[in-house]
């Protein structure tokens, strides 16, 4: 069990390193390129704010996921702390999704000017992924809370 958790922790660390590389190299270049092409600084700032906000939400979510793995290693899966960690993880993903909504208008403008409607579909897909994860975490949090309630009732009965 711990070997799998270590592997998942390693995957989280690799994903965080990749996100840092994106934040340091890719996002500034994308923002500068948008500024050169469209000559609209406010749109470029919103685009950058959306990407960096999503990265911040990802980092907070990765930290919460790491804490969830630690709780699973300590056999504390059905505790109120885990439900609280799931709630924080849910809000981190919802924040990432909300900040990605800032880039959606820029995808529309780019798709319109480049005459590439598929670009807007790709942008919608990028925005939809954290929303789907957040909805999954809402369902998981409610199931976890129900299981915790049943566990506490059974503990009181015995």
C-alpha atoms as a PDB file:
ATOM      1  CA  UNK A   1       0.000   0.000   0.000  1.00  0.00           C
ATOM      2  CA  UNK A   2       2.748   2.426   0.905  1.00  0.00           C
ATOM      3  CA  UNK A   3       4.612   1.715  -2.333  1.00  0.00           C
ATOM      4  CA  UNK A   4       1.545   2.809  -4.308  1.00  0.00           C
ATOM      5  CA  UNK A   5       1.201   5.924  -2.191  1.00  0.00           C
ATOM      6  CA  UNK A   6       4.850   6.777  -2.735  1.00  0.00           C
ATOM      7  CA  UNK A   7       4.349   6.333  -6.476  1.00  0.00           C
ATOM      8  CA  UNK A   8       1.320   8.662  -6.368  1.00  0.00           C
ATOM      9  CA  UNK A   9       3.316  11.191  -4.322  1.00  0.00           C
ATOM     10  CA  UNK A  10       6.065  10.979  -6.945  1.00  0.00           C
ATOM     11  CA  UNK A  11       3.510  11.561  -9.732  1.00  0.00           C
ATOM     12  CA  UNK A  12       2.184  14.604  -7.854  1.00  0.00           C
ATOM     13  CA  UNK A  13       5.713  15.958  -7.499  1.00  0.00           C
ATOM     14  CA  UNK A  14       6.415  15.470 -11.219  1.00  0.00           C
ATOM     15  CA  UNK A  15       3.128  17.204 -12.102  1.00  0.00           C
ATOM     16  CA  UNK A  16       4.043  20.121  -9.829  1.00  0.00           C
ATOM     17  CA  UNK A  17       7.470  20.434 -11.453  1.00  0.00           C
ATOM     18  CA  UNK A  18       5.826  20.469 -14.882  1.00  0.00           C
ATOM     19  CA  UNK A  19       3.364  23.123 -13.688  1.00  0.00           C
ATOM     20  CA  UNK A  20       6.268  25.267 -12.435  1.00  0.00           C
ATOM     21  CA  UNK A  21       7.967  24.910 -15.824  1.00  0.00           C
ATOM     22  CA  UNK A  22       4.752  26.008 -17.510  1.00  0.00           C
ATOM     23  CA  UNK A  23       4.472  28.982 -15.154  1.00  0.00           C
ATOM     24  CA  UNK A  24       8.050  30.082 -15.732  1.00  0.00           C
ATOM     25  CA  UNK A  25       8.469  29.396 -19.447  1.00  0.00           C
ATOM     26  CA  UNK A  26       5.258  28.716 -21.350  1.00  0.00           C
ATOM     27  CA  UNK A  27       2.729  31.156 -19.852  1.00  0.00           C
ATOM     28  CA  UNK A  28       4.891  34.290 -20.246  1.00  0.00           C
ATOM     29  CA  UNK A  29       5.659  33.372 -23.856  1.00  0.00           C
ATOM     30  CA  UNK A  30       1.971  32.772 -24.612  1.00  0.00           C
ATOM     31  CA  UNK A  31       1.016  36.098 -23.081  1.00  0.00           C
ATOM     32  CA  UNK A  32       3.725  37.935 -25.024  1.00  0.00           C
ATOM     33  CA  UNK A  33       2.709  36.236 -28.259  1.00  0.00           C
ATOM     34  CA  UNK A  34      -0.934  37.203 -27.702  1.00  0.00           C
ATOM     35  CA  UNK A  35       0.161  40.766 -27.078  1.00  0.00           C
ATOM     36  CA  UNK A  36       2.146  40.786 -30.340  1.00  0.00           C
ATOM     37  CA  UNK A  37      -0.632  39.250 -32.419  1.00  0.00           C
ATOM     38  CA  UNK A  38      -3.774  40.952 -31.104  1.00  0.00           C
ATOM     39  CA  UNK A  39      -2.377  44.202 -29.619  1.00  0.00           C
ATOM     40  CA  UNK A  40      -4.811  44.157 -26.711  1.00  0.00           C
ATOM     41  CA  UNK A  41      -3.036  44.268 -23.330  1.00  0.00           C
ATOM     42  CA  UNK A  42      -6.121  43.790 -21.139  1.00  0.00           C
ATOM     43  CA  UNK A  43      -7.015  40.530 -22.859  1.00  0.00           C
ATOM     44  CA  UNK A  44      -3.432  39.332 -22.458  1.00  0.00           C
ATOM     45  CA  UNK A  45      -3.519  40.174 -18.756  1.00  0.00           C
ATOM     46  CA  UNK A  46      -6.772  38.272 -18.273  1.00  0.00           C
ATOM     47  CA  UNK A  47      -5.281  35.371 -20.190  1.00  0.00           C
ATOM     48  CA  UNK A  48      -2.210  35.343 -17.950  1.00  0.00           C
ATOM     49  CA  UNK A  49      -4.306  35.774 -14.807  1.00  0.00           C
ATOM     50  CA  UNK A  50      -6.458  32.813 -15.843  1.00  0.00           C
ATOM     51  CA  UNK A  51      -3.498  30.536 -16.414  1.00  0.00           C
ATOM     52  CA  UNK A  52      -1.659  31.579 -13.257  1.00  0.00           C
ATOM     53  CA  UNK A  53      -4.856  31.312 -11.188  1.00  0.00           C
ATOM     54  CA  UNK A  54      -5.403  27.811 -12.536  1.00  0.00           C
ATOM     55  CA  UNK A  55      -1.806  26.933 -11.664  1.00  0.00           C
ATOM     56  CA  UNK A  56      -2.322  28.238  -8.124  1.00  0.00           C
ATOM     57  CA  UNK A  57      -5.489  26.148  -7.802  1.00  0.00           C
ATOM     58  CA  UNK A  58      -3.554  23.155  -9.097  1.00  0.00           C
ATOM     59  CA  UNK A  59      -0.768  23.637  -6.535  1.00  0.00           C
ATOM     60  CA  UNK A  60      -3.256  23.923  -3.670  1.00  0.00           C
ATOM     61  CA  UNK A  61      -5.100  20.860  -4.973  1.00  0.00           C
ATOM     62  CA  UNK A  62      -1.868  18.884  -5.279  1.00  0.00           C
ATOM     63  CA  UNK A  63      -0.981  19.762  -1.690  1.00  0.00           C
ATOM     64  CA  UNK A  64      -4.409  18.625  -0.493  1.00  0.00           C
ATOM     65  CA  UNK A  65      -4.087  15.396  -2.503  1.00  0.00           C
ATOM     66  CA  UNK A  66      -0.696  14.788  -0.917  1.00  0.00           C
ATOM     67  CA  UNK A  67      -2.205  15.225   2.532  1.00  0.00           C
ATOM     68  CA  UNK A  68      -4.985  12.793   1.580  1.00  0.00           C
ATOM     69  CA  UNK A  69      -2.387  10.204   0.614  1.00  0.00           C
ATOM     70  CA  UNK A  70      -0.613  10.674   3.934  1.00  0.00           C
ATOM     71  CA  UNK A  71      -3.924  10.170   5.772  1.00  0.00           C
ATOM     72  CA  UNK A  72      -4.543   6.988   3.779  1.00  0.00           C
ATOM     73  CA  UNK A  73      -1.069   5.699   4.717  1.00  0.00           C
ATOM     74  CA  UNK A  74      -1.835   6.287   8.391  1.00  0.00           C
ATOM     75  CA  UNK A  75      -5.136   4.370   8.082  1.00  0.00           C
ATOM     76  CA  UNK A  76      -7.142   7.512   8.857  1.00  0.00           C
ATOM     77  CA  UNK A  77      -9.361   7.343   5.780  1.00  0.00           C
ATOM     78  CA  UNK A  78     -12.706   7.691   7.548  1.00  0.00           C
ATOM     79  CA  UNK A  79     -12.077  10.684   9.749  1.00  0.00           C
ATOM     80  CA  UNK A  80     -13.491  14.211   9.738  1.00  0.00           C
ATOM     81  CA  UNK A  81     -10.023  15.446   8.715  1.00  0.00           C
ATOM     82  CA  UNK A  82     -10.247  13.568   5.413  1.00  0.00           C
ATOM     83  CA  UNK A  83     -13.675  15.057   4.700  1.00  0.00           C
ATOM     84  CA  UNK A  84     -12.214  18.497   5.368  1.00  0.00           C
ATOM     85  CA  UNK A  85      -9.272  17.755   3.030  1.00  0.00           C
ATOM     86  CA  UNK A  86     -11.700  16.648   0.324  1.00  0.00           C
ATOM     87  CA  UNK A  87     -13.642  19.884   0.784  1.00  0.00           C
ATOM     88  CA  UNK A  88     -10.452  21.947   0.397  1.00  0.00           C
ATOM     89  CA  UNK A  89      -9.442  19.909  -2.637  1.00  0.00           C
ATOM     90  CA  UNK A  90     -12.874  20.538  -4.160  1.00  0.00           C
ATOM     91  CA  UNK A  91     -12.574  24.297  -3.645  1.00  0.00           C
ATOM     92  CA  UNK A  92      -9.066  24.323  -5.106  1.00  0.00           C
ATOM     93  CA  UNK A  93     -10.323  22.665  -8.278  1.00  0.00           C
ATOM     94  CA  UNK A  94     -13.347  24.975  -8.411  1.00  0.00           C
ATOM     95  CA  UNK A  95     -10.997  27.957  -8.101  1.00  0.00           C
ATOM     96  CA  UNK A  96      -8.830  26.605 -10.916  1.00  0.00           C
ATOM     97  CA  UNK A  97     -11.912  26.160 -13.091  1.00  0.00           C
ATOM     98  CA  UNK A  98     -13.176  29.652 -12.305  1.00  0.00           C
ATOM     99  CA  UNK A  99      -9.828  31.207 -13.158  1.00  0.00           C
ATOM    100  CA  UNK A 100      -9.721  29.259 -16.415  1.00  0.00           C
ATOM    101  CA  UNK A 101     -13.031  30.891 -17.308  1.00  0.00           C
ATOM    102  CA  UNK A 102     -10.991  34.089 -17.730  1.00  0.00           C
ATOM    103  CA  UNK A 103      -9.220  32.580 -20.735  1.00  0.00           C
ATOM    104  CA  UNK A 104     -12.370  31.407 -22.498  1.00  0.00           C
ATOM    105  CA  UNK A 105     -13.120  34.755 -24.208  1.00  0.00           C
ATOM    106  CA  UNK A 106      -9.551  34.870 -25.508  1.00  0.00           C
ATOM    107  CA  UNK A 107     -10.011  31.424 -27.039  1.00  0.00           C
ATOM    108  CA  UNK A 108     -13.141  32.705 -28.753  1.00  0.00           C
ATOM    109  CA  UNK A 109     -11.330  35.762 -30.143  1.00  0.00           C
ATOM    110  CA  UNK A 110      -8.389  33.665 -31.313  1.00  0.00           C
ATOM    111  CA  UNK A 111     -10.693  31.110 -32.956  1.00  0.00           C
ATOM    112  CA  UNK A 112     -12.635  33.902 -34.666  1.00  0.00           C
ATOM    113  CA  UNK A 113      -9.572  35.733 -35.978  1.00  0.00           C
ATOM    114  CA  UNK A 114      -7.723  32.589 -37.032  1.00  0.00           C
ATOM    115  CA  UNK A 115     -10.901  31.039 -38.510  1.00  0.00           C
ATOM    116  CA  UNK A 116     -10.328  27.895 -36.461  1.00  0.00           C
ATOM    117  CA  UNK A 117     -13.536  26.865 -34.657  1.00  0.00           C
ATOM    118  CA  UNK A 118     -11.781  23.809 -33.230  1.00  0.00           C
ATOM    119  CA  UNK A 119      -9.614  26.109 -31.147  1.00  0.00           C
ATOM    120  CA  UNK A 120     -12.660  27.258 -29.195  1.00  0.00           C
ATOM    121  CA  UNK A 121     -13.705  23.630 -28.627  1.00  0.00           C
ATOM    122  CA  UNK A 122     -10.222  22.896 -27.285  1.00  0.00           C
ATOM    123  CA  UNK A 123     -10.494  25.916 -24.981  1.00  0.00           C
ATOM    124  CA  UNK A 124     -13.860  24.696 -23.697  1.00  0.00           C
ATOM    125  CA  UNK A 125     -12.313  21.288 -23.050  1.00  0.00           C
ATOM    126  CA  UNK A 126      -9.474  22.844 -21.076  1.00  0.00           C
ATOM    127  CA  UNK A 127     -11.964  24.763 -18.966  1.00  0.00           C
ATOM    128  CA  UNK A 128     -14.245  21.737 -18.518  1.00  0.00           C
ATOM    129  CA  UNK A 129     -11.623  19.413 -17.003  1.00  0.00           C
ATOM    130  CA  UNK A 130     -11.338  21.143 -13.582  1.00  0.00           C
ATOM    131  CA  UNK A 131     -15.120  21.538 -13.453  1.00  0.00           C
ATOM    132  CA  UNK A 132     -15.543  17.785 -13.925  1.00  0.00           C
ATOM    133  CA  UNK A 133     -12.927  17.087 -11.258  1.00  0.00           C
ATOM    134  CA  UNK A 134     -14.679  19.487  -8.859  1.00  0.00           C
ATOM    135  CA  UNK A 135     -18.051  17.792  -9.448  1.00  0.00           C
ATOM    136  CA  UNK A 136     -16.446  14.391  -8.866  1.00  0.00           C
ATOM    137  CA  UNK A 137     -14.956  15.689  -5.617  1.00  0.00           C
ATOM    138  CA  UNK A 138     -18.374  16.998  -4.489  1.00  0.00           C
ATOM    139  CA  UNK A 139     -19.845  13.526  -4.981  1.00  0.00           C
ATOM    140  CA  UNK A 140     -16.852  11.899  -3.280  1.00  0.00           C
ATOM    141  CA  UNK A 141     -17.058  14.300  -0.341  1.00  0.00           C
ATOM    142  CA  UNK A 142     -20.758  13.546   0.199  1.00  0.00           C
ATOM    143  CA  UNK A 143     -20.177   9.802  -0.043  1.00  0.00           C
ATOM    144  CA  UNK A 144     -17.258  10.072   2.361  1.00  0.00           C
ATOM    145  CA  UNK A 145     -19.340  12.112   4.800  1.00  0.00           C
ATOM    146  CA  UNK A 146     -22.144   9.519   4.663  1.00  0.00           C
ATOM    147  CA  UNK A 147     -19.685   6.678   5.220  1.00  0.00           C
ATOM    148  CA  UNK A 148     -18.168   8.575   8.153  1.00  0.00           C
ATOM    149  CA  UNK A 149     -21.617   9.072   9.668  1.00  0.00           C
ATOM    150  CA  UNK A 150     -22.385   5.352   9.344  1.00  0.00           C
ATOM    151  CA  UNK A 151     -19.014   4.496  10.872  1.00  0.00           C
ATOM    152  CA  UNK A 152     -19.618   6.776  13.846  1.00  0.00           C
ATOM    153  CA  UNK A 153     -23.103   5.312  14.359  1.00  0.00           C
ATOM    154  CA  UNK A 154     -21.685   1.790  14.252  1.00  0.00           C
ATOM    155  CA  UNK A 155     -18.941   2.742  16.689  1.00  0.00           C
ATOM    156  CA  UNK A 156     -21.555   4.065  19.114  1.00  0.00           C
ATOM    157  CA  UNK A 157     -23.691   0.944  18.716  1.00  0.00           C
ATOM    158  CA  UNK A 158     -20.859  -1.439  19.495  1.00  0.00           C
END
